[in-house]
Every structure is written in C-alpha cells, then in structure tokens.
Amino acid sequence: MRIAMAQITSGTDPSKNLEQVDAAVAEASAGGADLVVLPEATMCRFGVKLGPIAEPIDGPWATEVSAIAARHGVTVVAGMFTPAGDRVANTLVIAAPDGSRRSYDKIHLYDAFGFTESRTVAPGDELVTFSVDDVTVGVATCYDIRFPALFTALARRGAQVIVVPASWGAGAGKVHQWQALATARALDSTCYVAAVGQALPTDPEVRESSAPTGIGHSQLTDPFGTVVAAYDEGVQVGVHDVDLGTVEKARKALAVLDNERPIQQVSAPSTN
C-alpha cells in the first residue's frame, strides 16, 4: 500500500481549498498513492465562523472531493464541516475512487489550551473504518490523538492503518507533544499511524491567531514506533510505502492487544 500525506495550508475560501486538494491528489496519484490524507479543516481553516461554511456530506464541496478521488483513481480523506443543529460537526469526508463516500465526525473536541471547540462544534459518537483494497483503515481527528482507547478500539475493529488529519494548535512544547502522541498511538494500537497536519501558515496574522491553524510536522509511524517519514513545518506532499507485514510482525512480537486486561478485572491493592 502507498499512502500520501498532503500537508497543505487551508484558507477561508472552500473553492480555492478544493483547488489545493485537486493539486495535492494529482501529485500523490502520480507518485503511485492508493490513499491520500489531507488535514483537518481542509474545507476552511479555523478562526472564522464555520456555520455559514458547513455543508452536508452530500453537498457540493464533498461531492467535488469525490469527483477528484474518482478522477485520479485514489481514496481521499479530507477535513470539512457539516451542519449539526445550532453547531457544526468537525467531519472527515472519505471519498473512494468508485464515487462512494462516507464520513467520520470528530469524537473528542478541543476544549484545551484556551480554545473551546465544543462551543461551536458538536461531538461525534461513532468509530469509523474503511477499506482501501484489502487494507482496513481507521480514522481519528486531531485532538482524538490524545485518547489511546480510541486507537486500540479501531485496531480491534481490524484497522492496520489509522489516519489522523489535524490542524494542531501552536504553542510551547506542542510540536513535541504531537510527535510523541503520534508515536505512542502507533505503539498502543500496533498500527501504522499517518498523522497529517495543516502546514504552519505563512500569514503572520493567521499564525498568531488563538485558533488551531496548524504547525506542520506530519508524521508516518510504524507499529514498532519507528518514524517512517517526518515533515517540517512547510507545505509538502509525500508518498510513502506501508508494509502491512510489519503490522503482523508487531502484533506477534508486541502483543499489547492480546495482552491487555480490562482494568476493572484487576484487583485493587489492599488498604489493610
């Protein structure tokens, strides 16, 4: 399997962001990619009102992502926003080359580091996997990466690869946290983890926003915690080989999924 990480910088115009999607997918397809992963908020960056931007998954923006996937013969995952009552959902559209599509709504909302995503975004409640040929791929979004149980649950549902589109917030230590979390989640789940972020914005005003607008540093990590590919902060599209045999080897040698015991079954220490 070949997976492309498309580290782009989204603006506020969804139609112009679609042009970036098309260009990135074309480049990835030319490199032999089977799956192209774009960041969270590919449709529109954070820091602006998202309600007027949001569209249903069968709306024109996601439909065009599907057309791009079909035109280039690859599966595409990209971040968008869909209506959710008086809020929006932080959604990933998963567009297959046969024209079909499905979606994942971010479960864990970023109410941290002074930002309150839940004020305008409704949480999802469903785990999602999909297939690329014979490979099962799980999905998570940005802040989800801080919750290991989500990743082990996806692995137990058959995921061999987990993709994590993100628009990571800047700040002291945040690059290190992102890299460490991506590595840890690969070890927890014994999956490949493709953590794909928004590039660091070049506009100083956007970069200084309190909204999470991206820091770059996308990372592909194998099930043993080895970093296969690591990007810098700038725009970059790369295509990388994923050896699914490594997943099988890791699950035999590092059998954390088999060895895990439900914590409620572990006796508490005596207080006597």
Protein backbone atom coordinates (compact mmCIF):
# COMPACT_ATOMS: atom_id res chain seq x y z
CA MET A 1 0.00 0.00 0.00
CA ARG A 2 1.18 3.53 -0.72
CA ILE A 3 -0.11 6.39 1.40
CA ALA A 4 0.28 10.10 0.66
CA MET A 5 0.41 12.76 3.35
CA ALA A 6 -0.69 16.11 1.90
CA GLN A 7 0.40 18.84 4.31
CA ILE A 8 -1.28 21.97 2.97
CA THR A 9 -2.42 25.34 4.36
CA SER A 10 -6.15 25.97 4.04
CA GLY A 11 -7.57 29.44 3.63
CA THR A 12 -11.11 30.68 4.18
CA ASP A 13 -12.45 30.08 0.65
CA PRO A 14 -13.65 26.46 0.24
CA SER A 15 -13.48 26.64 -3.56
CA LYS A 16 -9.83 27.71 -3.50
CA ASN A 17 -9.10 24.99 -0.97
CA LEU A 18 -10.60 22.48 -3.41
CA GLU A 19 -8.00 23.61 -5.93
CA GLN A 20 -5.34 22.67 -3.38
CA VAL A 21 -7.00 19.30 -2.87
CA ASP A 22 -7.01 18.61 -6.59
CA ALA A 23 -3.36 19.61 -6.99
CA ALA A 24 -2.23 17.55 -4.00
CA VAL A 25 -4.21 14.48 -5.07
CA ALA A 26 -2.87 14.75 -8.62
CA GLU A 27 0.69 14.87 -7.31
CA ALA A 28 0.08 11.95 -4.95
CA SER A 29 -1.60 9.87 -7.65
CA ALA A 30 1.33 10.47 -9.98
CA GLY A 31 3.53 9.08 -7.21
CA GLY A 32 1.50 5.88 -7.05
CA ALA A 33 -0.55 6.61 -3.93
CA ASP A 34 -3.55 4.42 -3.08
CA LEU A 35 -4.72 6.70 -0.25
CA VAL A 36 -4.29 10.46 0.07
CA VAL A 37 -4.74 12.07 3.50
CA LEU A 38 -5.29 15.82 3.81
CA PRO A 39 -5.57 17.78 7.07
CA GLU A 40 -8.47 18.57 9.34
CA ALA A 41 -10.24 21.78 8.25
CA THR A 42 -9.16 21.36 4.62
CA MET A 43 -12.51 22.90 3.62
CA CYS A 44 -11.84 26.07 5.65
CA ARG A 45 -9.30 26.95 8.30
CA PHE A 46 -10.21 27.53 11.92
CA GLY A 47 -10.53 31.07 13.25
CA VAL A 48 -13.60 32.13 11.25
CA LYS A 49 -17.33 31.44 11.65
CA LEU A 50 -17.89 27.87 10.49
CA GLY A 51 -21.70 27.78 10.44
CA PRO A 52 -22.02 29.62 7.11
CA ILE A 53 -19.30 27.37 5.62
CA ALA A 54 -20.74 23.99 6.67
CA GLU A 55 -22.36 21.74 4.05
CA PRO A 56 -23.88 18.25 4.27
CA ILE A 57 -21.80 15.30 3.22
CA ASP A 58 -23.83 15.07 0.01
CA GLY A 59 -23.34 18.79 -0.66
CA PRO A 60 -21.23 20.38 -3.41
CA TRP A 61 -17.90 20.53 -1.56
CA ALA A 62 -17.78 16.85 -0.60
CA THR A 63 -19.19 15.92 -4.00
CA GLU A 64 -16.25 17.65 -5.64
CA VAL A 65 -13.80 15.82 -3.35
CA SER A 66 -15.42 12.58 -4.56
CA ALA A 67 -15.01 13.70 -8.16
CA ILE A 68 -11.32 14.41 -7.53
CA ALA A 69 -10.85 10.96 -5.95
CA ALA A 70 -12.59 9.28 -8.90
CA ARG A 71 -10.67 11.29 -11.48
CA HIS A 72 -7.33 10.29 -10.00
CA GLY A 73 -8.28 6.74 -9.01
CA VAL A 74 -7.41 7.05 -5.30
CA THR A 75 -9.17 7.21 -1.93
CA VAL A 76 -9.12 10.70 -0.39
CA VAL A 77 -9.64 11.72 3.24
CA ALA A 78 -10.10 15.44 3.93
CA GLY A 79 -11.44 17.58 6.75
CA MET A 80 -14.64 19.59 6.36
CA PHE A 81 -17.57 20.91 8.42
CA THR A 82 -21.15 19.67 8.25
CA PRO A 83 -24.31 21.11 9.83
CA ALA A 84 -25.23 19.79 13.31
CA GLY A 85 -28.21 21.69 14.67
CA ASP A 86 -27.09 25.03 16.08
CA ARG A 87 -23.45 23.93 15.76
CA VAL A 88 -21.37 22.16 13.13
CA ALA A 89 -19.67 18.77 13.10
CA ASN A 90 -15.93 18.52 12.51
CA THR A 91 -16.15 15.94 9.76
CA LEU A 92 -13.78 13.88 7.64
CA VAL A 93 -15.07 13.01 4.20
CA ILE A 94 -13.77 9.66 2.97
CA ALA A 95 -14.08 9.57 -0.82
CA ALA A 96 -13.44 6.31 -2.66
CA PRO A 97 -12.37 6.10 -6.31
CA ASP A 98 -15.68 4.41 -7.23
CA GLY A 99 -17.56 7.61 -6.31
CA SER A 100 -18.89 6.38 -2.96
CA ARG A 101 -18.26 8.36 0.19
CA ARG A 102 -18.72 8.18 3.91
CA SER A 103 -17.78 10.35 6.87
CA TYR A 104 -16.42 10.48 10.40
CA ASP A 105 -17.33 13.15 12.96
CA LYS A 106 -14.59 14.04 15.46
CA ILE A 107 -15.39 12.46 18.83
CA HIS A 108 -13.08 14.36 21.19
CA LEU A 109 -13.41 18.14 20.97
CA TYR A 110 -10.53 20.51 21.61
CA ASP A 111 -11.53 22.24 24.83
CA ALA A 112 -7.95 22.83 25.88
CA PHE A 113 -5.13 25.39 25.84
CA GLY A 114 -7.65 28.24 25.96
CA PHE A 115 -9.70 27.10 22.96
CA THR A 116 -13.29 25.79 23.29
CA GLU A 117 -14.18 23.81 20.19
CA SER A 118 -17.39 22.48 21.78
CA ARG A 119 -18.87 25.99 21.78
CA THR A 120 -19.44 25.77 18.03
CA VAL A 121 -18.80 22.08 17.22
CA ALA A 122 -20.94 19.06 18.18
CA PRO A 123 -19.10 15.81 19.01
CA GLY A 124 -19.41 12.62 17.02
CA ASP A 125 -20.14 9.26 18.62
CA GLU A 126 -19.25 6.59 16.05
CA LEU A 127 -15.97 4.84 15.27
CA VAL A 128 -15.28 4.54 11.56
CA THR A 129 -13.10 2.23 9.48
CA PHE A 130 -12.98 1.82 5.72
CA SER A 131 -11.15 -0.33 3.21
CA VAL A 132 -8.54 0.51 0.60
CA ASP A 133 -8.27 -2.68 -1.44
CA ASP A 134 -7.73 -5.29 1.31
CA VAL A 135 -6.39 -2.87 3.94
CA THR A 136 -8.62 -1.72 6.80
CA VAL A 137 -8.04 1.93 7.70
CA GLY A 138 -9.29 3.64 10.86
CA VAL A 139 -9.87 7.37 11.22
CA ALA A 140 -9.37 9.89 14.01
CA THR A 141 -9.09 13.68 14.03
CA CYS A 142 -6.51 15.92 15.72
CA TYR A 143 -7.35 16.05 19.48
CA ASP A 144 -8.54 12.42 19.23
CA ILE A 145 -4.84 11.51 19.20
CA ARG A 146 -4.65 12.18 22.94
CA PHE A 147 -7.07 9.31 23.67
CA PRO A 148 -5.40 5.89 23.33
CA ALA A 149 -8.60 3.87 23.81
CA LEU A 150 -9.93 5.17 20.50
CA PHE A 151 -6.90 3.80 18.68
CA THR A 152 -6.96 0.39 20.34
CA ALA A 153 -10.69 0.17 19.61
CA LEU A 154 -10.02 0.88 15.92
CA ALA A 155 -7.31 -1.79 15.89
CA ARG A 156 -9.71 -4.29 17.43
CA ARG A 157 -12.10 -3.50 14.59
CA GLY A 158 -9.42 -4.58 12.15
CA ALA A 159 -7.55 -1.35 11.43
CA GLN A 160 -3.98 -1.85 10.23
CA VAL A 161 -3.50 1.82 9.39
CA ILE A 162 -5.02 4.78 11.26
CA VAL A 163 -5.09 8.22 9.64
CA VAL A 164 -5.23 11.36 11.79
CA PRO A 165 -5.93 14.59 9.89
CA ALA A 166 -5.19 17.55 12.15
CA SER A 167 -4.90 21.29 12.47
CA TRP A 168 -2.69 21.31 15.53
CA GLY A 169 -2.52 24.36 17.75
CA ALA A 170 0.79 26.15 18.14
CA GLY A 171 2.49 26.79 21.47
CA ALA A 172 5.39 25.85 23.69
CA GLY A 173 6.08 22.13 23.50
CA LYS A 174 3.22 21.44 21.09
CA VAL A 175 5.40 20.06 18.27
CA HIS A 176 6.99 17.59 20.68
CA GLN A 177 3.59 16.56 22.04
CA TRP A 178 2.26 15.96 18.53
CA GLN A 179 5.24 13.83 17.57
CA ALA A 180 5.22 11.88 20.84
CA LEU A 181 1.48 11.22 20.64
CA ALA A 182 1.68 10.01 17.04
CA THR A 183 4.42 7.57 18.03
CA ALA A 184 2.61 6.41 21.17
CA ARG A 185 -0.65 5.75 19.35
CA ALA A 186 1.16 3.58 16.78
CA LEU A 187 2.64 1.55 19.65
CA ASP A 188 -0.69 1.35 21.51
CA SER A 189 -2.57 0.04 18.50
CA THR A 190 0.27 -1.74 16.66
CA CYS A 191 -0.90 0.09 13.55
CA TYR A 192 0.72 2.45 11.12
CA VAL A 193 -0.35 5.96 12.12
CA ALA A 194 -0.38 8.68 9.48
CA ALA A 195 -0.76 11.97 11.37
CA VAL A 196 -1.26 14.69 8.77
CA GLY A 197 -1.37 18.32 9.85
CA GLN A 198 -2.01 21.71 8.36
CA ALA A 199 1.27 23.39 7.43
CA LEU A 200 2.31 26.38 9.50
CA PRO A 201 0.50 29.38 7.98
CA THR A 202 2.70 31.94 6.26
CA ASP A 203 0.33 34.83 7.08
CA PRO A 204 1.54 36.32 10.41
CA GLU A 205 -1.98 37.29 11.47
CA VAL A 206 -3.26 33.75 10.95
CA ARG A 207 -0.19 32.29 12.64
CA GLU A 208 -0.78 34.43 15.72
CA SER A 209 -4.47 33.51 15.98
CA SER A 210 -5.63 31.73 19.11
CA ALA A 211 -7.35 29.19 16.84
CA PRO A 212 -5.51 25.95 15.97
CA THR A 213 -4.35 26.74 12.45
CA GLY A 214 -1.52 24.22 12.12
CA ILE A 215 2.16 23.68 12.81
CA GLY A 216 3.09 21.17 10.09
CA HIS A 217 5.27 18.22 11.18
CA SER A 218 3.15 15.47 9.67
CA GLN A 219 4.47 12.06 10.65
CA LEU A 220 4.10 8.46 9.50
CA THR A 221 4.97 5.96 12.23
CA ASP A 222 5.10 2.17 12.00
CA PRO A 223 3.66 -0.28 14.58
CA PHE A 224 7.04 -0.59 16.35
CA GLY A 225 7.19 3.19 16.87
CA THR A 226 9.73 3.80 14.12
CA VAL A 227 9.20 7.11 12.32
CA VAL A 228 8.96 6.30 8.61
CA ALA A 229 8.52 9.91 7.47
CA ALA A 230 8.58 13.26 9.26
CA TYR A 231 7.91 16.61 7.60
CA ASP A 232 8.99 20.10 8.60
CA GLU A 233 6.54 22.99 9.03
CA GLY A 234 6.05 23.87 5.36
CA VAL A 235 3.71 22.72 2.61
CA GLN A 236 4.65 19.24 1.43
CA VAL A 237 3.11 16.25 -0.33
CA GLY A 238 4.89 12.92 0.02
CA VAL A 239 4.08 9.33 -0.93
CA HIS A 240 5.25 6.54 1.36
CA ASP A 241 5.23 2.75 1.26
CA VAL A 242 3.38 0.96 4.06
CA ASP A 243 4.45 -2.67 4.62
CA LEU A 244 1.44 -4.43 6.12
CA GLY A 245 3.70 -7.34 7.06
CA THR A 246 5.14 -5.07 9.74
CA VAL A 247 1.71 -4.93 11.39
CA GLU A 248 1.57 -8.71 11.59
CA LYS A 249 5.12 -8.86 12.97
CA ALA A 250 4.36 -6.21 15.59
CA ARG A 251 1.22 -7.96 16.74
CA LYS A 252 3.18 -11.15 17.32
CA ALA A 253 6.22 -9.56 18.94
CA LEU A 254 4.47 -6.70 20.75
CA ALA A 255 1.14 -8.31 21.57
CA VAL A 256 -0.40 -5.44 23.52
CA LEU A 257 -3.85 -6.00 22.03
CA ASP A 258 -3.82 -9.65 23.14
CA ASN A 259 -2.19 -8.97 26.49
CA GLU A 260 -4.43 -6.15 27.63
CA ARG A 261 -6.64 -6.92 30.64
CA PRO A 262 -9.78 -4.88 31.37
CA ILE A 263 -8.76 -2.67 34.25
CA GLN A 264 -11.98 -3.36 36.17
CA GLN A 265 -10.90 -7.02 36.38
CA VAL A 266 -7.63 -6.13 38.08
CA SER A 267 -7.95 -6.27 41.86
CA ALA A 268 -7.29 -3.09 43.79
CA PRO A 269 -4.45 -3.28 46.34
CA SER A 270 -5.44 -3.99 49.89
CA THR A 271 -5.69 -0.99 52.18
CA ASN A 272 -5.08 -3.08 55.31
